[in-house]
C-alpha atoms as a PDB file:
ATOM      1  CA  MET A   1       3.195-137.900   9.773  1.00  0.00           C
ATOM      2  CA  LEU A   2       0.455-140.465   9.267  1.00  0.00           C
ATOM      3  CA  GLU A   3       1.565-143.930  10.361  1.00  0.00           C
ATOM      4  CA  GLY A   4      -1.485-146.010   9.474  1.00  0.00           C
ATOM      5  CA  ILE A   5      -4.791-146.973  11.033  1.00  0.00           C
ATOM      6  CA  SER A   6      -4.686-146.755  14.831  1.00  0.00           C
ATOM      7  CA  HIS A   7      -7.926-148.568  15.586  1.00  0.00           C
ATOM      8  CA  ILE A   8     -11.419-149.263  14.301  1.00  0.00           C
ATOM      9  CA  THR A   9     -14.412-148.775  16.622  1.00  0.00           C
ATOM     10  CA  PHE A  10     -17.790-150.468  16.343  1.00  0.00           C
ATOM     11  CA  ILE A  11     -20.850-149.491  18.378  1.00  0.00           C
ATOM     12  CA  VAL A  12     -22.627-152.613  19.592  1.00  0.00           C
ATOM     13  CA  GLU A  13     -25.766-153.249  21.610  1.00  0.00           C
ATOM     14  CA  ASN A  14     -24.265-156.070  23.677  1.00  0.00           C
ATOM     15  CA  LEU A  15     -20.549-156.367  24.507  1.00  0.00           C
ATOM     16  CA  GLU A  16     -20.730-160.085  25.312  1.00  0.00           C
ATOM     17  CA  ARG A  17     -22.475-160.921  22.039  1.00  0.00           C
ATOM     18  CA  ALA A  18     -19.890-158.806  20.191  1.00  0.00           C
ATOM     19  CA  THR A  19     -17.143-160.685  22.035  1.00  0.00           C
ATOM     20  CA  GLN A  20     -18.603-163.974  20.827  1.00  0.00           C
ATOM     21  CA  PHE A  21     -18.708-162.598  17.276  1.00  0.00           C
ATOM     22  CA  PHE A  22     -15.136-161.295  17.165  1.00  0.00           C
ATOM     23  CA  THR A  23     -13.552-164.256  18.948  1.00  0.00           C
ATOM     24  CA  SER A  24     -15.512-166.921  17.044  1.00  0.00           C
ATOM     25  CA  VAL A  25     -15.133-165.520  13.535  1.00  0.00           C
ATOM     26  CA  PHE A  26     -11.780-163.724  13.648  1.00  0.00           C
ATOM     27  CA  ASP A  27      -9.917-165.462  16.506  1.00  0.00           C
ATOM     28  CA  ALA A  28      -9.770-162.017  18.119  1.00  0.00           C
ATOM     29  CA  GLU A  29      -7.768-161.712  21.317  1.00  0.00           C
ATOM     30  CA  GLU A  30      -9.561-159.686  23.978  1.00  0.00           C
ATOM     31  CA  VAL A  31      -6.964-157.381  25.539  1.00  0.00           C
ATOM     32  CA  TYR A  32      -9.147-155.015  27.580  1.00  0.00           C
ATOM     33  CA  ALA A  33     -12.622-154.782  29.101  1.00  0.00           C
ATOM     34  CA  SER A  34     -13.658-151.619  30.920  1.00  0.00           C
ATOM     35  CA  GLY A  35     -16.053-153.452  33.239  1.00  0.00           C
ATOM     36  CA  ASN A  36     -17.548-150.945  35.681  1.00  0.00           C
ATOM     37  CA  GLN A  37     -14.925-148.324  34.858  1.00  0.00           C
ATOM     38  CA  THR A  38     -15.781-146.153  31.906  1.00  0.00           C
ATOM     39  CA  PHE A  39     -12.885-144.096  30.593  1.00  0.00           C
ATOM     40  CA  SER A  40     -14.618-143.420  27.308  1.00  0.00           C
ATOM     41  CA  LEU A  41     -18.264-142.672  26.475  1.00  0.00           C
ATOM     42  CA  THR A  42     -19.664-146.099  27.389  1.00  0.00           C
ATOM     43  CA  PRO A  43     -18.398-149.522  28.524  1.00  0.00           C
ATOM     44  CA  GLU A  44     -16.001-150.940  25.961  1.00  0.00           C
ATOM     45  CA  LYS A  45     -13.697-153.800  25.019  1.00  0.00           C
ATOM     46  CA  PHE A  46     -10.525-153.885  22.943  1.00  0.00           C
ATOM     47  CA  PHE A  47      -9.459-156.752  20.706  1.00  0.00           C
ATOM     48  CA  LEU A  48      -6.520-157.578  18.497  1.00  0.00           C
ATOM     49  CA  ILE A  49      -7.225-159.147  15.126  1.00  0.00           C
ATOM     50  CA  ALA A  50      -4.043-159.959  13.225  1.00  0.00           C
ATOM     51  CA  GLY A  51      -2.356-157.154  15.152  1.00  0.00           C
ATOM     52  CA  GLN A  52      -5.101-154.598  14.387  1.00  0.00           C
ATOM     53  CA  TRP A  53      -6.703-152.854  17.384  1.00  0.00           C
ATOM     54  CA  ILE A  54     -10.486-153.194  17.275  1.00  0.00           C
ATOM     55  CA  ALA A  55     -12.627-151.369  19.850  1.00  0.00           C
ATOM     56  CA  VAL A  56     -16.268-152.112  20.611  1.00  0.00           C
ATOM     57  CA  MET A  57     -18.417-149.761  22.667  1.00  0.00           C
ATOM     58  CA  GLU A  58     -21.940-150.236  23.975  1.00  0.00           C
ATOM     59  CA  GLY A  59     -24.577-148.187  22.227  1.00  0.00           C
ATOM     60  CA  GLU A  60     -27.446-148.277  19.783  1.00  0.00           C
ATOM     61  CA  PRO A  61     -26.863-150.649  16.843  1.00  0.00           C
ATOM     62  CA  LEU A  62     -27.043-149.426  13.270  1.00  0.00           C
ATOM     63  CA  VAL A  63     -30.617-149.094  12.068  1.00  0.00           C
ATOM     64  CA  GLU A  64     -29.858-149.665   8.386  1.00  0.00           C
ATOM     65  CA  ARG A  65     -27.493-151.995   6.622  1.00  0.00           C
ATOM     66  CA  THR A  66     -25.187-150.511   4.000  1.00  0.00           C
ATOM     67  CA  TYR A  67     -22.270-151.626   1.854  1.00  0.00           C
ATOM     68  CA  ASN A  68     -19.816-149.724   4.100  1.00  0.00           C
ATOM     69  CA  HIS A  69     -17.586-152.475   5.431  1.00  0.00           C
ATOM     70  CA  VAL A  70     -14.264-153.617   6.800  1.00  0.00           C
ATOM     71  CA  ALA A  71     -12.478-156.377   4.887  1.00  0.00           C
ATOM     72  CA  PHE A  72      -9.975-158.749   6.435  1.00  0.00           C
ATOM     73  CA  LYS A  73      -7.498-160.686   4.300  1.00  0.00           C
ATOM     74  CA  ILE A  74      -7.609-164.479   4.480  1.00  0.00           C
ATOM     75  CA  GLN A  75      -5.840-167.237   2.583  1.00  0.00           C
ATOM     76  CA  GLU A  76      -7.766-168.964  -0.211  1.00  0.00           C
ATOM     77  CA  GLU A  77      -7.343-172.350   1.480  1.00  0.00           C
ATOM     78  CA  ASP A  78      -9.037-171.007   4.648  1.00  0.00           C
ATOM     79  CA  PHE A  79     -12.167-169.696   2.902  1.00  0.00           C
ATOM     80  CA  GLU A  80     -14.403-172.654   3.848  1.00  0.00           C
ATOM     81  CA  LEU A  81     -13.126-172.601   7.454  1.00  0.00           C
ATOM     82  CA  TYR A  82     -14.225-168.983   7.873  1.00  0.00           C
ATOM     83  CA  GLN A  83     -17.477-169.621   6.035  1.00  0.00           C
ATOM     84  CA  ALA A  84     -18.263-172.406   8.526  1.00  0.00           C
ATOM     85  CA  ARG A  85     -17.523-170.057  11.467  1.00  0.00           C
ATOM     86  CA  VAL A  86     -19.895-167.434  10.087  1.00  0.00           C
ATOM     87  CA  GLU A  87     -22.606-170.007   9.450  1.00  0.00           C
ATOM     88  CA  ALA A  88     -22.168-171.545  12.936  1.00  0.00           C
ATOM     89  CA  LEU A  89     -23.111-168.183  14.487  1.00  0.00           C
ATOM     90  CA  GLY A  90     -26.168-167.908  12.240  1.00  0.00           C
ATOM     91  CA  LEU A  91     -24.952-164.635  10.771  1.00  0.00           C
ATOM     92  CA  ASP A  92     -26.680-163.124   7.755  1.00  0.00           C
ATOM     93  CA  VAL A  93     -24.488-163.724   4.704  1.00  0.00           C
ATOM     94  CA  LYS A  94     -24.779-161.242   1.849  1.00  0.00           C
ATOM     95  CA  PRO A  95     -24.305-162.558  -1.700  1.00  0.00           C
ATOM     96  CA  PRO A  96     -20.970-161.419  -3.130  1.00  0.00           C
ATOM     97  CA  ARG A  97     -20.907-158.762  -5.804  1.00  0.00           C
ATOM     98  CA  PRO A  98     -20.132-159.872  -9.364  1.00  0.00           C
ATOM     99  CA  ARG A  99     -16.412-160.443  -9.769  1.00  0.00           C
ATOM    100  CA  VAL A 100     -13.971-160.956 -12.587  1.00  0.00           C
ATOM    101  CA  GLU A 101     -11.561-163.864 -12.587  1.00  0.00           C
ATOM    102  CA  GLY A 102      -8.420-163.102 -10.600  1.00  0.00           C
ATOM    103  CA  GLU A 103      -9.663-160.577  -8.048  1.00  0.00           C
ATOM    104  CA  GLY A 104     -10.128-163.112  -5.240  1.00  0.00           C
ATOM    105  CA  ARG A 105     -13.126-164.524  -3.398  1.00  0.00           C
ATOM    106  CA  SER A 106     -15.140-162.692  -0.767  1.00  0.00           C
ATOM    107  CA  LEU A 107     -17.471-163.668   2.032  1.00  0.00           C
ATOM    108  CA  TYR A 108     -19.714-160.783   3.114  1.00  0.00           C
ATOM    109  CA  PHE A 109     -21.697-161.028   6.359  1.00  0.00           C
ATOM    110  CA  TYR A 110     -23.391-158.820   8.937  1.00  0.00           C
ATOM    111  CA  ASP A 111     -22.665-158.930  12.653  1.00  0.00           C
ATOM    112  CA  PHE A 112     -25.436-158.745  15.252  1.00  0.00           C
ATOM    113  CA  ASP A 113     -25.442-154.918  15.025  1.00  0.00           C
ATOM    114  CA  ASN A 114     -25.740-154.539  11.229  1.00  0.00           C
ATOM    115  CA  HIS A 115     -22.033-153.911  10.528  1.00  0.00           C
ATOM    116  CA  LEU A 116     -20.924-155.474   7.259  1.00  0.00           C
ATOM    117  CA  PHE A 117     -17.678-157.442   7.219  1.00  0.00           C
ATOM    118  CA  GLU A 118     -15.819-159.063   4.356  1.00  0.00           C
ATOM    119  CA  LEU A 119     -13.284-161.855   4.330  1.00  0.00           C
ATOM    120  CA  HIS A 120     -11.297-161.534   1.116  1.00  0.00           C
ATOM    121  CA  THR A 121      -8.694-163.816  -0.432  1.00  0.00           C
ATOM    122  CA  GLY A 122      -7.173-161.331  -2.869  1.00  0.00           C
ATOM    123  CA  THR A 123      -4.679-158.502  -2.569  1.00  0.00           C
ATOM    124  CA  LEU A 124      -4.580-154.966  -3.919  1.00  0.00           C
ATOM    125  CA  ALA A 125      -1.696-155.893  -6.237  1.00  0.00           C
ATOM    126  CA  GLU A 126      -3.677-158.807  -7.696  1.00  0.00           C
ATOM    127  CA  ARG A 127      -6.738-156.632  -8.247  1.00  0.00           C
ATOM    128  CA  LEU A 128      -4.783-153.827  -9.909  1.00  0.00           C
ATOM    129  CA  ALA A 129      -3.036-156.337 -12.168  1.00  0.00           C
ATOM    130  CA  ARG A 130      -6.354-157.899 -13.115  1.00  0.00           C
ATOM    131  CA  TYR A 131      -8.042-154.565 -13.775  1.00  0.00           C
ATOM    132  CA  SER A 132      -5.179-153.379 -15.996  1.00  0.00           C
ATOM    133  CA  VAL A 133      -5.456-156.416 -18.310  1.00  0.00           C
ATOM    134  CA  GLY A 134      -8.325-154.876 -20.280  1.00  0.00           C
ATOM    135  CA  LYS A 135      -6.515-151.579 -20.957  1.00  0.00           C
END
């Protein structure tokens, strides 16, 4: 029986730079670093972000940027706080897609390895309710 998402893995060029990214933007807690021991394919680190296991492994960064992304839920009142964190790291912010009133705000940005992340203030229930209004 499926229980949910176990973990999400990102391939990164530099583990220390990825650590700075995840800890600075998401308040990630580093819970493991392989150091010289490599149990997996390459050196890696594990983080917890709001209880979600995030793994980063050394490797070649993404060559192209796409809209494939991971979105983390934030509170509306924290939007500017997270925006300031992203800007402080000099990350490339992507303009948000057009939205309709009531589906929440989003901050899209790329990490140092071309992964797209989103910080979103809305919920699935809010979006479904908003989308059903026009029916």
